[in-house]
C-alpha atoms as a PDB file:
ATOM      1  CA  MET A   1       2.914 -10.940 -19.709  1.00  0.00           C
ATOM      2  CA  SER A   2      -0.593  -8.872 -19.272  1.00  0.00           C
ATOM      3  CA  VAL A   3      -0.164  -5.879 -16.771  1.00  0.00           C
ATOM      4  CA  ARG A   4      -1.935  -5.940 -13.381  1.00  0.00           C
ATOM      5  CA  ARG A   5      -3.805  -2.629 -12.304  1.00  0.00           C
ATOM      6  CA  THR A   6      -3.186  -1.898  -8.610  1.00  0.00           C
ATOM      7  CA  VAL A   7      -3.956   0.769  -6.258  1.00  0.00           C
ATOM      8  CA  LYS A   8      -2.125   1.610  -3.556  1.00  0.00           C
ATOM      9  CA  VAL A   9      -3.482   3.594  -0.627  1.00  0.00           C
ATOM     10  CA  LEU A  10      -1.596   5.791   1.976  1.00  0.00           C
ATOM     11  CA  LEU A  11      -3.547   5.334   4.664  1.00  0.00           C
ATOM     12  CA  LEU A  12      -2.713   8.232   7.485  1.00  0.00           C
ATOM     13  CA  ASP A  13      -4.210   8.612  10.476  1.00  0.00           C
ATOM     14  CA  GLU A  14      -3.876  12.366  12.180  1.00  0.00           C
ATOM     15  CA  GLU A  15      -0.554  11.984  13.503  1.00  0.00           C
ATOM     16  CA  ASP A  16       0.609  11.164   9.925  1.00  0.00           C
ATOM     17  CA  ARG A  17       1.537   7.969  10.639  1.00  0.00           C
ATOM     18  CA  LEU A  18       1.682   5.582   7.559  1.00  0.00           C
ATOM     19  CA  LEU A  19      -0.933   1.760   7.889  1.00  0.00           C
ATOM     20  CA  LEU A  20       1.231  -0.866   6.816  1.00  0.00           C
ATOM     21  CA  LEU A  21       0.418  -4.452   6.437  1.00  0.00           C
ATOM     22  CA  ARG A  22       3.171  -7.370   7.066  1.00  0.00           C
ATOM     23  CA  GLY A  23       3.132 -10.592   4.790  1.00  0.00           C
ATOM     24  CA  ARG A  24       5.479 -13.137   4.111  1.00  0.00           C
ATOM     25  CA  GLU A  25       5.646 -15.438   0.567  1.00  0.00           C
ATOM     26  CA  SER A  26       5.978 -18.342   2.279  1.00  0.00           C
ATOM     27  CA  ALA A  27       6.489 -20.137   5.565  1.00  0.00           C
ATOM     28  CA  GLY A  28       9.974 -19.596   6.451  1.00  0.00           C
ATOM     29  CA  CYS A  29      10.334 -16.115   4.077  1.00  0.00           C
ATOM     30  CA  GLU A  30      11.228 -13.229   5.587  1.00  0.00           C
ATOM     31  CA  ALA A  31       7.987 -10.781   6.159  1.00  0.00           C
ATOM     32  CA  ILE A  32       7.884  -7.668   3.818  1.00  0.00           C
ATOM     33  CA  TRP A  33       6.052  -4.865   4.952  1.00  0.00           C
ATOM     34  CA  TYR A  34       3.892  -2.701   2.369  1.00  0.00           C
ATOM     35  CA  PRO A  35       0.859  -0.652   1.623  1.00  0.00           C
ATOM     36  CA  VAL A  36      -2.942  -1.297   1.956  1.00  0.00           C
ATOM     37  CA  GLY A  37      -3.953  -1.933  -1.633  1.00  0.00           C
ATOM     38  CA  GLY A  38      -4.605  -4.473  -4.300  1.00  0.00           C
ATOM     39  CA  GLY A  39      -6.126  -5.281  -7.711  1.00  0.00           C
ATOM     40  CA  ILE A  40      -8.584  -3.143  -9.386  1.00  0.00           C
ATOM     41  CA  GLU A  41     -11.251  -5.283 -11.086  1.00  0.00           C
ATOM     42  CA  ASP A  42     -12.721  -5.305 -14.420  1.00  0.00           C
ATOM     43  CA  GLY A  43     -15.243  -2.156 -14.499  1.00  0.00           C
ATOM     44  CA  GLU A  44     -13.892  -0.582 -11.068  1.00  0.00           C
ATOM     45  CA  ASP A  45     -12.348   2.721 -11.144  1.00  0.00           C
ATOM     46  CA  ALA A  46      -9.386   3.364  -9.034  1.00  0.00           C
ATOM     47  CA  VAL A  47     -11.010   5.081  -6.280  1.00  0.00           C
ATOM     48  CA  ALA A  48     -13.807   2.244  -5.763  1.00  0.00           C
ATOM     49  CA  ALA A  49     -10.765  -0.291  -5.564  1.00  0.00           C
ATOM     50  CA  GLY A  50      -8.981   1.478  -3.134  1.00  0.00           C
ATOM     51  CA  ARG A  51     -12.067   1.955  -0.620  1.00  0.00           C
ATOM     52  CA  ARG A  52     -12.566  -1.941  -1.353  1.00  0.00           C
ATOM     53  CA  GLU A  53      -9.321  -2.951  -0.584  1.00  0.00           C
ATOM     54  CA  ILE A  54      -9.432  -0.431   2.800  1.00  0.00           C
ATOM     55  CA  LEU A  55     -12.413  -2.465   3.774  1.00  0.00           C
ATOM     56  CA  GLU A  56     -10.932  -5.845   3.131  1.00  0.00           C
ATOM     57  CA  GLU A  57      -7.945  -5.245   4.527  1.00  0.00           C
ATOM     58  CA  THR A  58      -7.916  -3.320   7.583  1.00  0.00           C
ATOM     59  CA  GLY A  59     -12.201  -3.815   8.713  1.00  0.00           C
ATOM     60  CA  ARG A  60     -12.543  -0.092   8.325  1.00  0.00           C
ATOM     61  CA  ARG A  61     -15.623   1.787   6.297  1.00  0.00           C
ATOM     62  CA  GLU A  62     -16.411   5.231   4.437  1.00  0.00           C
ATOM     63  CA  VAL A  63     -13.091   5.966   4.274  1.00  0.00           C
ATOM     64  CA  VAL A  64     -12.742   8.989   1.959  1.00  0.00           C
ATOM     65  CA  ILE A  65      -9.800   8.613  -0.789  1.00  0.00           C
ATOM     66  CA  GLY A  66      -7.904  11.686  -1.498  1.00  0.00           C
ATOM     67  CA  PRO A  67      -5.773  12.719  -4.154  1.00  0.00           C
ATOM     68  CA  GLU A  68      -3.438  10.572  -6.590  1.00  0.00           C
ATOM     69  CA  VAL A  69      -0.092  11.156  -5.438  1.00  0.00           C
ATOM     70  CA  TRP A  70       2.456   8.573  -7.154  1.00  0.00           C
ATOM     71  CA  HIS A  71       2.707   6.166  -9.725  1.00  0.00           C
ATOM     72  CA  ARG A  72       4.917   3.155 -10.350  1.00  0.00           C
ATOM     73  CA  ARG A  73       5.064   0.750 -13.035  1.00  0.00           C
ATOM     74  CA  HIS A  74       7.487  -2.384 -12.074  1.00  0.00           C
ATOM     75  CA  LEU A  75       8.139  -6.030 -12.288  1.00  0.00           C
ATOM     76  CA  TYR A  76       7.789  -8.408  -9.477  1.00  0.00           C
ATOM     77  CA  SER A  77       7.868 -12.050  -8.377  1.00  0.00           C
ATOM     78  CA  TRP A  78       5.283 -13.264  -5.621  1.00  0.00           C
ATOM     79  CA  ARG A  79       5.114 -16.899  -5.141  1.00  0.00           C
ATOM     80  CA  GLY A  80       6.881 -18.053  -8.224  1.00  0.00           C
ATOM     81  CA  LYS A  81       4.689 -15.687 -10.595  1.00  0.00           C
ATOM     82  CA  GLN A  82       6.398 -12.478 -12.443  1.00  0.00           C
ATOM     83  CA  THR A  83       3.875  -9.398 -12.662  1.00  0.00           C
ATOM     84  CA  ASP A  84       4.422  -6.678 -14.436  1.00  0.00           C
ATOM     85  CA  THR A  85       2.242  -4.307 -12.273  1.00  0.00           C
ATOM     86  CA  ASP A  86       1.137  -0.763 -13.108  1.00  0.00           C
ATOM     87  CA  GLU A  87       0.181   0.991  -9.598  1.00  0.00           C
ATOM     88  CA  ARG A  88      -1.755   4.144  -8.697  1.00  0.00           C
ATOM     89  CA  TRP A  89      -1.335   5.683  -5.050  1.00  0.00           C
ATOM     90  CA  PHE A  90      -3.887   7.599  -3.026  1.00  0.00           C
ATOM     91  CA  VAL A  91      -3.656   9.110   0.188  1.00  0.00           C
ATOM     92  CA  ALA A  92      -6.359   8.759   2.594  1.00  0.00           C
ATOM     93  CA  ARG A  93      -7.233  10.049   6.272  1.00  0.00           C
ATOM     94  CA  THR A  94      -8.449   8.372   9.021  1.00  0.00           C
ATOM     95  CA  GLN A  95      -8.604   8.274  12.648  1.00  0.00           C
ATOM     96  CA  HIS A  96      -5.784   6.068  14.336  1.00  0.00           C
ATOM     97  CA  PHE A  97      -7.499   2.510  14.645  1.00  0.00           C
ATOM     98  CA  THR A  98      -6.298  -1.411  15.317  1.00  0.00           C
ATOM     99  CA  PRO A  99      -7.175  -3.346  11.827  1.00  0.00           C
ATOM    100  CA  THR A 100      -9.305  -5.974  11.630  1.00  0.00           C
ATOM    101  CA  PRO A 101      -9.031  -7.888   8.267  1.00  0.00           C
ATOM    102  CA  TYR A 102     -12.838  -8.065   7.202  1.00  0.00           C
ATOM    103  CA  ALA A 103     -12.674  -9.956   3.796  1.00  0.00           C
ATOM    104  CA  LEU A 104      -9.426 -11.357   3.385  1.00  0.00           C
ATOM    105  CA  THR A 105      -9.237 -13.891   0.224  1.00  0.00           C
ATOM    106  CA  ALA A 106      -7.802 -17.559   1.241  1.00  0.00           C
ATOM    107  CA  GLU A 107      -5.191 -16.836  -0.282  1.00  0.00           C
ATOM    108  CA  GLU A 108      -4.521 -13.275   1.682  1.00  0.00           C
ATOM    109  CA  GLN A 109      -4.618 -15.167   4.918  1.00  0.00           C
ATOM    110  CA  THR A 110      -2.146 -17.622   4.042  1.00  0.00           C
ATOM    111  CA  TYR A 111       0.285 -14.599   3.815  1.00  0.00           C
ATOM    112  CA  VAL A 112      -0.819 -11.315   5.878  1.00  0.00           C
ATOM    113  CA  THR A 113       0.900 -11.544   9.111  1.00  0.00           C
ATOM    114  CA  GLY A 114       0.191  -8.151  10.965  1.00  0.00           C
ATOM    115  CA  SER A 115      -0.231  -4.530  10.718  1.00  0.00           C
ATOM    116  CA  ARG A 116       1.729  -1.669  12.098  1.00  0.00           C
ATOM    117  CA  TRP A 117       1.426   2.348  12.284  1.00  0.00           C
ATOM    118  CA  TRP A 118       4.640   4.212  10.825  1.00  0.00           C
ATOM    119  CA  ARG A 119       6.019   7.374  11.306  1.00  0.00           C
ATOM    120  CA  ALA A 120       7.937   8.244   7.980  1.00  0.00           C
ATOM    121  CA  GLU A 121      11.320   8.708  10.105  1.00  0.00           C
ATOM    122  CA  ASP A 122      10.782   5.281  11.436  1.00  0.00           C
ATOM    123  CA  LEU A 123       9.954   3.961   8.030  1.00  0.00           C
ATOM    124  CA  ALA A 124      12.611   5.617   6.453  1.00  0.00           C
ATOM    125  CA  ALA A 125      15.100   4.162   8.938  1.00  0.00           C
ATOM    126  CA  THR A 126      14.221   0.469   9.542  1.00  0.00           C
ATOM    127  CA  THR A 127      16.057  -2.507   8.129  1.00  0.00           C
ATOM    128  CA  ASP A 128      12.978  -4.377   7.965  1.00  0.00           C
ATOM    129  CA  PRO A 129      12.235  -4.881   4.014  1.00  0.00           C
ATOM    130  CA  VAL A 130       9.739  -2.433   2.589  1.00  0.00           C
ATOM    131  CA  PHE A 131       7.464  -2.265  -0.401  1.00  0.00           C
ATOM    132  CA  PRO A 132       8.813  -0.556  -2.208  1.00  0.00           C
ATOM    133  CA  PRO A 133      12.382   0.178  -0.753  1.00  0.00           C
ATOM    134  CA  ASP A 134      12.141   3.714  -0.234  1.00  0.00           C
ATOM    135  CA  LEU A 135       8.706   4.521   0.576  1.00  0.00           C
ATOM    136  CA  GLY A 136       9.922   6.101   4.072  1.00  0.00           C
ATOM    137  CA  MET A 137      11.638   8.434   2.272  1.00  0.00           C
ATOM    138  CA  HIS A 138       8.797   9.109  -0.837  1.00  0.00           C
ATOM    139  CA  LEU A 139       6.509   9.557   2.275  1.00  0.00           C
ATOM    140  CA  ALA A 140       8.547  12.039   4.151  1.00  0.00           C
ATOM    141  CA  SER A 141       8.617  14.100   1.148  1.00  0.00           C
ATOM    142  CA  LEU A 142       5.272  13.889   0.437  1.00  0.00           C
ATOM    143  CA  LEU A 143       4.601  15.324   4.115  1.00  0.00           C
ATOM    144  CA  HIS A 144       7.256  18.024   4.010  1.00  0.00           C
ATOM    145  CA  ASN A 145       6.155  19.253   0.569  1.00  0.00           C
ATOM    146  CA  GLY A 146       2.487  18.429   0.528  1.00  0.00           C
ATOM    147  CA  PHE A 147       1.159  16.621  -2.525  1.00  0.00           C
ATOM    148  CA  PRO A 148       1.839  16.973  -5.929  1.00  0.00           C
ATOM    149  CA  ALA A 149      -0.337  18.988  -8.678  1.00  0.00           C
ATOM    150  CA  THR A 150      -0.198  15.582 -10.460  1.00  0.00           C
ATOM    151  CA  PRO A 151       0.995  12.251  -9.659  1.00  0.00           C
ATOM    152  CA  ILE A 152       4.640  11.818  -9.509  1.00  0.00           C
ATOM    153  CA  ASN A 153       6.604   8.791 -10.948  1.00  0.00           C
ATOM    154  CA  ILE A 154       8.181   6.821  -8.661  1.00  0.00           C
ATOM    155  CA  SER A 155       9.038   4.151 -10.913  1.00  0.00           C
ATOM    156  CA  ALA A 156      12.778   4.302 -11.024  1.00  0.00           C
ATOM    157  CA  LEU A 157      13.043   5.425  -7.521  1.00  0.00           C
ATOM    158  CA  GLY A 158      12.045   2.219  -5.872  1.00  0.00           C
END
């Protein structure tokens, strides 16, 4: 199994709310909340991929990608396919806005069902499925303790 290199962006507004997208693996499945992001294309660096994913998934242009704060390696199954994923997590700040998907792929259009800005404490307390499951706890820690000097490995934590 090959490793899929991905980027995830903690897109925070001026009140430290995190933008998450909602998706559903297939009709009738429970929806899950997840951050902006996706695969890093051949020849593309992680920051450029983050900018591209923000534009495609939210319509927001010219977002400055900040520091890389986390790293995560995990296996997951999506639409019947097992994937080994190597994620790089970055922080980006923006003014609050209403996301408008700009260039979702045909496949993404079949499963992206909405978006929401979350406060860390609300995210940590929700019973809704969230990817990764401890995202609210990780975000609260990041906002309280500040950005790490080097990315923290959150693989074993969620």
